[in-house]
Amino acid sequence: MFLPQLPPGGAPSREPVPFAFVAEADRFRSNVTPPPRERPSMTQIAARSLVGLTVVAGLVGSLLFGMPALQPSKTPATSQSQQSEASEGR
């Protein structure tokens, strides 16, 4: 966190501060570089690929199995009214 410095008189001055200075003070800056990222092992790469292929295969499979249900039916049975078997005996 940025702490403002007091002027030589001791009391803080009420001068306007440019916006760029305020925005820059909110960011943390460091001269220490982070350590390099570890490279994923072959096992991790294989596991990630397998999970990705499983997800893609599931989406493709659901699309293939769902497409016939979305197609309009070509039989004239759809024009007949649907009744349950229980209502036929009345």
C-alpha atoms as a PDB file:
ATOM      1  CA  MET A   1       0.000   0.000   0.000  1.00  0.00           C
ATOM      2  CA  PHE A   2       1.252   3.462  -0.846  1.00  0.00           C
ATOM      3  CA  LEU A   3       1.812   5.827   2.074  1.00  0.00           C
ATOM      4  CA  PRO A   4       2.128   9.519   1.185  1.00  0.00           C
ATOM      5  CA  GLN A   5       5.178  11.417   2.425  1.00  0.00           C
ATOM      6  CA  LEU A   6       4.630  14.466   4.622  1.00  0.00           C
ATOM      7  CA  PRO A   7       6.009  17.764   3.333  1.00  0.00           C
ATOM      8  CA  PRO A   8       8.824  19.427   5.312  1.00  0.00           C
ATOM      9  CA  GLY A   9       6.297  21.536   7.281  1.00  0.00           C
ATOM     10  CA  GLY A  10       4.757  18.409   8.816  1.00  0.00           C
ATOM     11  CA  ALA A  11       1.135  18.918   7.732  1.00  0.00           C
ATOM     12  CA  PRO A  12      -0.153  17.255   4.559  1.00  0.00           C
ATOM     13  CA  SER A  13      -0.804  19.673   1.719  1.00  0.00           C
ATOM     14  CA  ARG A  14      -4.151  19.667  -0.120  1.00  0.00           C
ATOM     15  CA  GLU A  15      -2.819  20.070  -3.657  1.00  0.00           C
ATOM     16  CA  PRO A  16      -4.672  18.353  -6.476  1.00  0.00           C
ATOM     17  CA  VAL A  17      -3.064  15.095  -7.528  1.00  0.00           C
ATOM     18  CA  PRO A  18      -3.100  14.016 -11.184  1.00  0.00           C
ATOM     19  CA  PHE A  19      -5.198  10.916 -11.867  1.00  0.00           C
ATOM     20  CA  ALA A  20      -2.290   9.049 -13.478  1.00  0.00           C
ATOM     21  CA  PHE A  21      -0.294   9.354 -10.260  1.00  0.00           C
ATOM     22  CA  VAL A  22      -3.176   7.951  -8.169  1.00  0.00           C
ATOM     23  CA  ALA A  23      -3.740   5.055 -10.561  1.00  0.00           C
ATOM     24  CA  GLU A  24      -0.031   4.265 -10.612  1.00  0.00           C
ATOM     25  CA  ALA A  25       0.161   4.255  -6.828  1.00  0.00           C
ATOM     26  CA  ASP A  26      -2.537   1.553  -6.611  1.00  0.00           C
ATOM     27  CA  ARG A  27      -0.427  -0.920  -8.563  1.00  0.00           C
ATOM     28  CA  PHE A  28       2.200  -2.919  -6.742  1.00  0.00           C
ATOM     29  CA  ARG A  29       5.590  -2.710  -8.344  1.00  0.00           C
ATOM     30  CA  SER A  30       8.484  -4.919  -7.462  1.00  0.00           C
ATOM     31  CA  ASN A  31      11.979  -5.405  -8.768  1.00  0.00           C
ATOM     32  CA  VAL A  32      11.874  -9.111  -7.854  1.00  0.00           C
ATOM     33  CA  THR A  33      11.085 -11.391 -10.779  1.00  0.00           C
ATOM     34  CA  PRO A  34       8.857 -14.390 -10.073  1.00  0.00           C
ATOM     35  CA  PRO A  35      10.320 -17.857 -10.550  1.00  0.00           C
ATOM     36  CA  PRO A  36       9.787 -19.442 -13.974  1.00  0.00           C
ATOM     37  CA  ARG A  37       6.711 -21.623 -14.425  1.00  0.00           C
ATOM     38  CA  GLU A  38       7.189 -25.344 -14.169  1.00  0.00           C
ATOM     39  CA  ARG A  39       6.677 -27.226 -17.413  1.00  0.00           C
ATOM     40  CA  PRO A  40       3.903 -29.815 -17.278  1.00  0.00           C
ATOM     41  CA  SER A  41       5.052 -33.414 -17.281  1.00  0.00           C
ATOM     42  CA  MET A  42       4.110 -35.896 -19.995  1.00  0.00           C
ATOM     43  CA  THR A  43       1.572 -37.457 -17.626  1.00  0.00           C
ATOM     44  CA  GLN A  44      -0.136 -34.106 -17.064  1.00  0.00           C
ATOM     45  CA  ILE A  45      -0.212 -33.371 -20.798  1.00  0.00           C
ATOM     46  CA  ALA A  46      -1.689 -36.813 -21.504  1.00  0.00           C
ATOM     47  CA  ALA A  47      -4.317 -36.401 -18.757  1.00  0.00           C
ATOM     48  CA  ARG A  48      -5.358 -32.965 -20.011  1.00  0.00           C
ATOM     49  CA  SER A  49      -5.595 -34.258 -23.574  1.00  0.00           C
ATOM     50  CA  LEU A  50      -7.689 -37.226 -22.472  1.00  0.00           C
ATOM     51  CA  VAL A  51     -10.091 -34.977 -20.549  1.00  0.00           C
ATOM     52  CA  GLY A  52     -10.391 -32.648 -23.553  1.00  0.00           C
ATOM     53  CA  LEU A  53     -11.043 -35.522 -25.943  1.00  0.00           C
ATOM     54  CA  THR A  54     -13.674 -36.953 -23.581  1.00  0.00           C
ATOM     55  CA  VAL A  55     -15.521 -33.637 -23.432  1.00  0.00           C
ATOM     56  CA  VAL A  56     -15.409 -33.185 -27.209  1.00  0.00           C
ATOM     57  CA  ALA A  57     -16.545 -36.787 -27.792  1.00  0.00           C
ATOM     58  CA  GLY A  58     -19.457 -36.274 -25.393  1.00  0.00           C
ATOM     59  CA  LEU A  59     -20.578 -33.132 -27.198  1.00  0.00           C
ATOM     60  CA  VAL A  60     -20.294 -34.760 -30.630  1.00  0.00           C
ATOM     61  CA  GLY A  61     -22.124 -37.878 -29.422  1.00  0.00           C
ATOM     62  CA  SER A  62     -24.964 -35.882 -27.919  1.00  0.00           C
ATOM     63  CA  LEU A  63     -25.271 -33.939 -31.146  1.00  0.00           C
ATOM     64  CA  LEU A  64     -25.354 -37.117 -33.255  1.00  0.00           C
ATOM     65  CA  PHE A  65     -27.926 -38.830 -31.029  1.00  0.00           C
ATOM     66  CA  GLY A  66     -30.008 -35.680 -30.621  1.00  0.00           C
ATOM     67  CA  MET A  67     -30.284 -34.703 -34.291  1.00  0.00           C
ATOM     68  CA  PRO A  68     -32.915 -37.344 -35.186  1.00  0.00           C
ATOM     69  CA  ALA A  69     -35.136 -36.061 -32.385  1.00  0.00           C
ATOM     70  CA  LEU A  70     -34.970 -32.560 -33.829  1.00  0.00           C
ATOM     71  CA  GLN A  71     -35.955 -33.615 -37.354  1.00  0.00           C
ATOM     72  CA  PRO A  72     -39.636 -33.245 -38.268  1.00  0.00           C
ATOM     73  CA  SER A  73     -41.422 -36.558 -38.558  1.00  0.00           C
ATOM     74  CA  LYS A  74     -42.475 -37.613 -42.095  1.00  0.00           C
ATOM     75  CA  THR A  75     -45.198 -40.052 -41.012  1.00  0.00           C
ATOM     76  CA  PRO A  76     -48.883 -39.017 -40.970  1.00  0.00           C
ATOM     77  CA  ALA A  77     -49.187 -40.283 -37.383  1.00  0.00           C
ATOM     78  CA  THR A  78     -48.395 -36.821 -36.064  1.00  0.00           C
ATOM     79  CA  SER A  79     -51.689 -35.455 -37.405  1.00  0.00           C
ATOM     80  CA  GLN A  80     -53.732 -37.902 -35.333  1.00  0.00           C
ATOM     81  CA  SER A  81     -54.766 -36.878 -31.856  1.00  0.00           C
ATOM     82  CA  GLN A  82     -52.920 -38.645 -29.102  1.00  0.00           C
ATOM     83  CA  GLN A  83     -54.990 -40.567 -26.580  1.00  0.00           C
ATOM     84  CA  SER A  84     -53.937 -42.791 -23.754  1.00  0.00           C
ATOM     85  CA  GLU A  85     -54.918 -46.442 -23.596  1.00  0.00           C
ATOM     86  CA  ALA A  86     -56.921 -45.798 -20.459  1.00  0.00           C
ATOM     87  CA  SER A  87     -59.314 -43.493 -22.313  1.00  0.00           C
ATOM     88  CA  GLU A  88     -60.063 -46.084 -25.037  1.00  0.00           C
ATOM     89  CA  GLY A  89     -62.160 -48.343 -22.801  1.00  0.00           C
ATOM     90  CA  ARG A  90     -64.682 -45.653 -21.869  1.00  0.00           C
END
